[in-house]
Amino acid sequence: MPRRTLDTAELYDAARWELLRAGYFESRGDHYRGQVQECRVLADHYSRTLQEREQG
């Protein structure tokens, strides 16, 4: 099944969601450090994609 492109609102929501998840896992302790990092990487990716879309 081909992937679809997220629209601007979905990208914004995805970035916020991943930051919320990162905060949640961070509050759970060091055991979840990898999950926190993964959430932040995804949030950064969504934010960069959103900025590129707004500029171009």
PDB file of N, CA and C in Angstrom:
ATOM      1  N   MET A   1       0.846  -1.170   0.000  1.00  0.00           N
ATOM      2  CA  MET A   1       0.000   0.000   0.000  1.00  0.00           C
ATOM      3  C   MET A   1       0.899   1.243   0.000  1.00  0.00           C
ATOM      4  N   PRO A   2       0.702   2.143  -0.950  1.00  0.00           N
ATOM      5  CA  PRO A   2       1.551   3.339  -1.016  1.00  0.00           C
ATOM      6  C   PRO A   2       1.253   4.298   0.132  1.00  0.00           C
ATOM      7  N   ARG A   3       2.291   4.983   0.547  1.00  0.00           N
ATOM      8  CA  ARG A   3       2.121   5.981   1.601  1.00  0.00           C
ATOM      9  C   ARG A   3       1.522   7.240   1.016  1.00  0.00           C
ATOM     10  N   ARG A   4       0.708   7.911   1.791  1.00  0.00           N
ATOM     11  CA  ARG A   4       0.162   9.182   1.338  1.00  0.00           C
ATOM     12  C   ARG A   4       0.922  10.322   2.015  1.00  0.00           C
ATOM     13  N   THR A   5       0.859  11.482   1.425  1.00  0.00           N
ATOM     14  CA  THR A   5       1.531  12.652   1.962  1.00  0.00           C
ATOM     15  C   THR A   5       0.622  13.321   2.987  1.00  0.00           C
ATOM     16  N   LEU A   6       1.191  13.670   4.136  1.00  0.00           N
ATOM     17  CA  LEU A   6       0.415  14.365   5.157  1.00  0.00           C
ATOM     18  C   LEU A   6       0.180  15.806   4.735  1.00  0.00           C
ATOM     19  N   ASP A   7      -1.015  16.311   5.011  1.00  0.00           N
ATOM     20  CA  ASP A   7      -1.263  17.719   4.709  1.00  0.00           C
ATOM     21  C   ASP A   7      -0.690  18.581   5.840  1.00  0.00           C
ATOM     22  N   THR A   8      -0.774  19.885   5.686  1.00  0.00           N
ATOM     23  CA  THR A   8      -0.144  20.812   6.629  1.00  0.00           C
ATOM     24  C   THR A   8      -0.681  20.641   8.047  1.00  0.00           C
ATOM     25  N   ALA A   9      -1.977  20.523   8.192  1.00  0.00           N
ATOM     26  CA  ALA A   9      -2.573  20.359   9.522  1.00  0.00           C
ATOM     27  C   ALA A   9      -2.121  19.050  10.168  1.00  0.00           C
ATOM     28  N   GLU A  10      -2.035  17.992   9.375  1.00  0.00           N
ATOM     29  CA  GLU A  10      -1.594  16.699   9.905  1.00  0.00           C
ATOM     30  C   GLU A  10      -0.130  16.745  10.328  1.00  0.00           C
ATOM     31  N   LEU A  11       0.703  17.444   9.568  1.00  0.00           N
ATOM     32  CA  LEU A  11       2.109  17.587   9.948  1.00  0.00           C
ATOM     33  C   LEU A  11       2.243  18.339  11.265  1.00  0.00           C
ATOM     34  N   TYR A  12       1.478  19.406  11.407  1.00  0.00           N
ATOM     35  CA  TYR A  12       1.498  20.191  12.640  1.00  0.00           C
ATOM     36  C   TYR A  12       1.073  19.317  13.822  1.00  0.00           C
ATOM     37  N   ASP A  13      -0.021  18.590  13.662  1.00  0.00           N
ATOM     38  CA  ASP A  13      -0.511  17.710  14.725  1.00  0.00           C
ATOM     39  C   ASP A  13       0.493  16.604  15.048  1.00  0.00           C
ATOM     40  N   ALA A  14       1.117  16.047  14.021  1.00  0.00           N
ATOM     41  CA  ALA A  14       2.091  14.973  14.232  1.00  0.00           C
ATOM     42  C   ALA A  14       3.301  15.475  15.011  1.00  0.00           C
ATOM     43  N   ALA A  15       3.782  16.671  14.682  1.00  0.00           N
ATOM     44  CA  ALA A  15       4.929  17.237  15.395  1.00  0.00           C
ATOM     45  C   ALA A  15       4.579  17.471  16.861  1.00  0.00           C
ATOM     46  N   ARG A  16       3.416  18.044  17.113  1.00  0.00           N
ATOM     47  CA  ARG A  16       2.989  18.286  18.503  1.00  0.00           C
ATOM     48  C   ARG A  16       2.804  16.974  19.258  1.00  0.00           C
ATOM     49  N   TRP A  17       2.214  15.985  18.605  1.00  0.00           N
ATOM     50  CA  TRP A  17       1.970  14.690  19.238  1.00  0.00           C
ATOM     51  C   TRP A  17       3.288  14.035  19.643  1.00  0.00           C
ATOM     52  N   GLU A  18       4.270  14.060  18.751  1.00  0.00           N
ATOM     53  CA  GLU A  18       5.552  13.434  19.063  1.00  0.00           C
ATOM     54  C   GLU A  18       6.256  14.154  20.213  1.00  0.00           C
ATOM     55  N   LEU A  19       6.124  15.477  20.287  1.00  0.00           N
ATOM     56  CA  LEU A  19       6.702  16.208  21.420  1.00  0.00           C
ATOM     57  C   LEU A  19       5.991  15.853  22.725  1.00  0.00           C
ATOM     58  N   LEU A  20       4.680  15.688  22.670  1.00  0.00           N
ATOM     59  CA  LEU A  20       3.937  15.255  23.858  1.00  0.00           C
ATOM     60  C   LEU A  20       4.372  13.859  24.296  1.00  0.00           C
ATOM     61  N   ARG A  21       4.539  12.966  23.324  1.00  0.00           N
ATOM     62  CA  ARG A  21       4.992  11.607  23.635  1.00  0.00           C
ATOM     63  C   ARG A  21       6.386  11.624  24.251  1.00  0.00           C
ATOM     64  N   ALA A  22       7.262  12.470  23.700  1.00  0.00           N
ATOM     65  CA  ALA A  22       8.622  12.573  24.240  1.00  0.00           C
ATOM     66  C   ALA A  22       8.576  13.011  25.697  1.00  0.00           C
ATOM     67  N   GLY A  23       7.744  13.999  25.997  1.00  0.00           N
ATOM     68  CA  GLY A  23       7.604  14.462  27.377  1.00  0.00           C
ATOM     69  C   GLY A  23       7.074  13.378  28.298  1.00  0.00           C
ATOM     70  N   TYR A  24       6.117  12.614  27.805  1.00  0.00           N
ATOM     71  CA  TYR A  24       5.560  11.525  28.602  1.00  0.00           C
ATOM     72  C   TYR A  24       6.628  10.481  28.914  1.00  0.00           C
ATOM     73  N   PHE A  25       7.330  10.022  27.889  1.00  0.00           N
ATOM     74  CA  PHE A  25       8.337   8.992  28.107  1.00  0.00           C
ATOM     75  C   PHE A  25       9.500   9.509  28.948  1.00  0.00           C
ATOM     76  N   GLU A  26       9.826  10.786  28.796  1.00  0.00           N
ATOM     77  CA  GLU A  26      10.901  11.369  29.603  1.00  0.00           C
ATOM     78  C   GLU A  26      10.527  11.336  31.087  1.00  0.00           C
ATOM     79  N   SER A  27       9.258  11.570  31.379  1.00  0.00           N
ATOM     80  CA  SER A  27       8.813  11.554  32.777  1.00  0.00           C
ATOM     81  C   SER A  27       8.801  10.143  33.361  1.00  0.00           C
ATOM     82  N   ARG A  28       8.860   9.131  32.503  1.00  0.00           N
ATOM     83  CA  ARG A  28       8.831   7.743  32.962  1.00  0.00           C
ATOM     84  C   ARG A  28      10.204   7.232  33.392  1.00  0.00           C
ATOM     85  N   GLY A  29      11.268   7.984  33.087  1.00  0.00           N
ATOM     86  CA  GLY A  29      12.593   7.600  33.550  1.00  0.00           C
ATOM     87  C   GLY A  29      13.561   7.257  32.435  1.00  0.00           C
ATOM     88  N   ASP A  30      14.795   6.976  32.851  1.00  0.00           N
ATOM     89  CA  ASP A  30      15.885   6.718  31.910  1.00  0.00           C
ATOM     90  C   ASP A  30      15.673   5.472  31.056  1.00  0.00           C
ATOM     91  N   HIS A  31      14.868   4.562  31.534  1.00  0.00           N
ATOM     92  CA  HIS A  31      14.618   3.333  30.783  1.00  0.00           C
ATOM     93  C   HIS A  31      14.031   3.639  29.400  1.00  0.00           C
ATOM     94  N   TYR A  32      13.330   4.758  29.282  1.00  0.00           N
ATOM     95  CA  TYR A  32      12.660   5.132  28.036  1.00  0.00           C
ATOM     96  C   TYR A  32      13.452   6.144  27.213  1.00  0.00           C
ATOM     97  N   ARG A  33      14.733   6.286  27.498  1.00  0.00           N
ATOM     98  CA  ARG A  33      15.576   7.267  26.810  1.00  0.00           C
ATOM     99  C   ARG A  33      15.544   7.089  25.290  1.00  0.00           C
ATOM    100  N   GLY A  34      15.580   5.874  24.815  1.00  0.00           N
ATOM    101  CA  GLY A  34      15.543   5.607  23.376  1.00  0.00           C
ATOM    102  C   GLY A  34      14.230   6.040  22.748  1.00  0.00           C
ATOM    103  N   GLN A  35      13.139   5.803  23.458  1.00  0.00           N
ATOM    104  CA  GLN A  35      11.826   6.211  22.955  1.00  0.00           C
ATOM    105  C   GLN A  35      11.723   7.735  22.896  1.00  0.00           C
ATOM    106  N   VAL A  36      12.279   8.410  23.903  1.00  0.00           N
ATOM    107  CA  VAL A  36      12.284   9.876  23.920  1.00  0.00           C
ATOM    108  C   VAL A  36      13.041  10.402  22.708  1.00  0.00           C
ATOM    109  N   GLN A  37      14.199   9.827  22.451  1.00  0.00           N
ATOM    110  CA  GLN A  37      15.009  10.270  21.319  1.00  0.00           C
ATOM    111  C   GLN A  37      14.272  10.038  19.997  1.00  0.00           C
ATOM    112  N   GLU A  38      13.641   8.889  19.855  1.00  0.00           N
ATOM    113  CA  GLU A  38      12.901   8.590  18.628  1.00  0.00           C
ATOM    114  C   GLU A  38      11.758   9.587  18.414  1.00  0.00           C
ATOM    115  N   CYS A  39      11.028   9.900  19.473  1.00  0.00           N
ATOM    116  CA  CYS A  39       9.924  10.863  19.368  1.00  0.00           C
ATOM    117  C   CYS A  39      10.439  12.238  18.963  1.00  0.00           C
ATOM    118  N   ARG A  40      11.565  12.640  19.525  1.00  0.00           N
ATOM    119  CA  ARG A  40      12.118  13.956  19.186  1.00  0.00           C
ATOM    120  C   ARG A  40      12.621  14.000  17.748  1.00  0.00           C
ATOM    121  N   VAL A  41      13.203  12.915  17.279  1.00  0.00           N
ATOM    122  CA  VAL A  41      13.654  12.860  15.887  1.00  0.00           C
ATOM    123  C   VAL A  41      12.452  12.987  14.946  1.00  0.00           C
ATOM    124  N   LEU A  42      11.386  12.278  15.246  1.00  0.00           N
ATOM    125  CA  LEU A  42      10.181  12.371  14.417  1.00  0.00           C
ATOM    126  C   LEU A  42       9.587  13.780  14.463  1.00  0.00           C
ATOM    127  N   ALA A  43       9.538  14.379  15.648  1.00  0.00           N
ATOM    128  CA  ALA A  43       9.008  15.740  15.773  1.00  0.00           C
ATOM    129  C   ALA A  43       9.844  16.714  14.958  1.00  0.00           C
ATOM    130  N   ASP A  44      11.167  16.569  15.011  1.00  0.00           N
ATOM    131  CA  ASP A  44      12.048  17.435  14.219  1.00  0.00           C
ATOM    132  C   ASP A  44      11.806  17.241  12.724  1.00  0.00           C
ATOM    133  N   HIS A  45      11.649  16.002  12.312  1.00  0.00           N
ATOM    134  CA  HIS A  45      11.392  15.710  10.900  1.00  0.00           C
ATOM    135  C   HIS A  45      10.086  16.363  10.437  1.00  0.00           C
ATOM    136  N   TYR A  46       9.031  16.187  11.227  1.00  0.00           N
ATOM    137  CA  TYR A  46       7.745  16.784  10.861  1.00  0.00           C
ATOM    138  C   TYR A  46       7.838  18.305  10.832  1.00  0.00           C
ATOM    139  N   SER A  47       8.549  18.887  11.793  1.00  0.00           N
ATOM    140  CA  SER A  47       8.694  20.348  11.837  1.00  0.00           C
ATOM    141  C   SER A  47       9.467  20.865  10.633  1.00  0.00           C
ATOM    142  N   ARG A  48      10.556  20.187  10.279  1.00  0.00           N
ATOM    143  CA  ARG A  48      11.342  20.597   9.104  1.00  0.00           C
ATOM    144  C   ARG A  48      10.512  20.486   7.827  1.00  0.00           C
ATOM    145  N   THR A  49       9.777  19.396   7.695  1.00  0.00           N
ATOM    146  CA  THR A  49       8.930  19.215   6.519  1.00  0.00           C
ATOM    147  C   THR A  49       7.882  20.317   6.438  1.00  0.00           C
ATOM    148  N   LEU A  50       7.299  20.664   7.569  1.00  0.00           N
ATOM    149  CA  LEU A  50       6.301  21.728   7.613  1.00  0.00           C
ATOM    150  C   LEU A  50       6.916  23.071   7.228  1.00  0.00           C
ATOM    151  N   GLN A  51       8.106  23.368   7.744  1.00  0.00           N
ATOM    152  CA  GLN A  51       8.784  24.625   7.402  1.00  0.00           C
ATOM    153  C   GLN A  51       9.132  24.677   5.923  1.00  0.00           C
ATOM    154  N   GLU A  52       9.625  23.574   5.379  1.00  0.00           N
ATOM    155  CA  GLU A  52       9.965  23.529   3.955  1.00  0.00           C
ATOM    156  C   GLU A  52       8.724  23.750   3.097  1.00  0.00           C
ATOM    157  N   ARG A  53       7.633  23.166   3.500  1.00  0.00           N
ATOM    158  CA  ARG A  53       6.390  23.308   2.747  1.00  0.00           C
ATOM    159  C   ARG A  53       5.891  24.757   2.795  1.00  0.00           C
ATOM    160  N   GLU A  54       6.018  25.404   3.953  1.00  0.00           N
ATOM    161  CA  GLU A  54       5.573  26.792   4.089  1.00  0.00           C
ATOM    162  C   GLU A  54       6.464  27.751   3.303  1.00  0.00           C
ATOM    163  N   GLN A  55       7.757  27.431   3.192  1.00  0.00           N
ATOM    164  CA  GLN A  55       8.685  28.294   2.467  1.00  0.00           C
ATOM    165  C   GLN A  55       8.568  28.103   0.959  1.00  0.00           C
ATOM    166  N   GLY A  56       8.289  26.892   0.552  1.00  0.00           N
ATOM    167  CA  GLY A  56       8.292  26.587  -0.878  1.00  0.00           C
ATOM    168  C   GLY A  56       6.977  26.441  -1.419  1.00  0.00           C
TER     169      GLY A  56
END
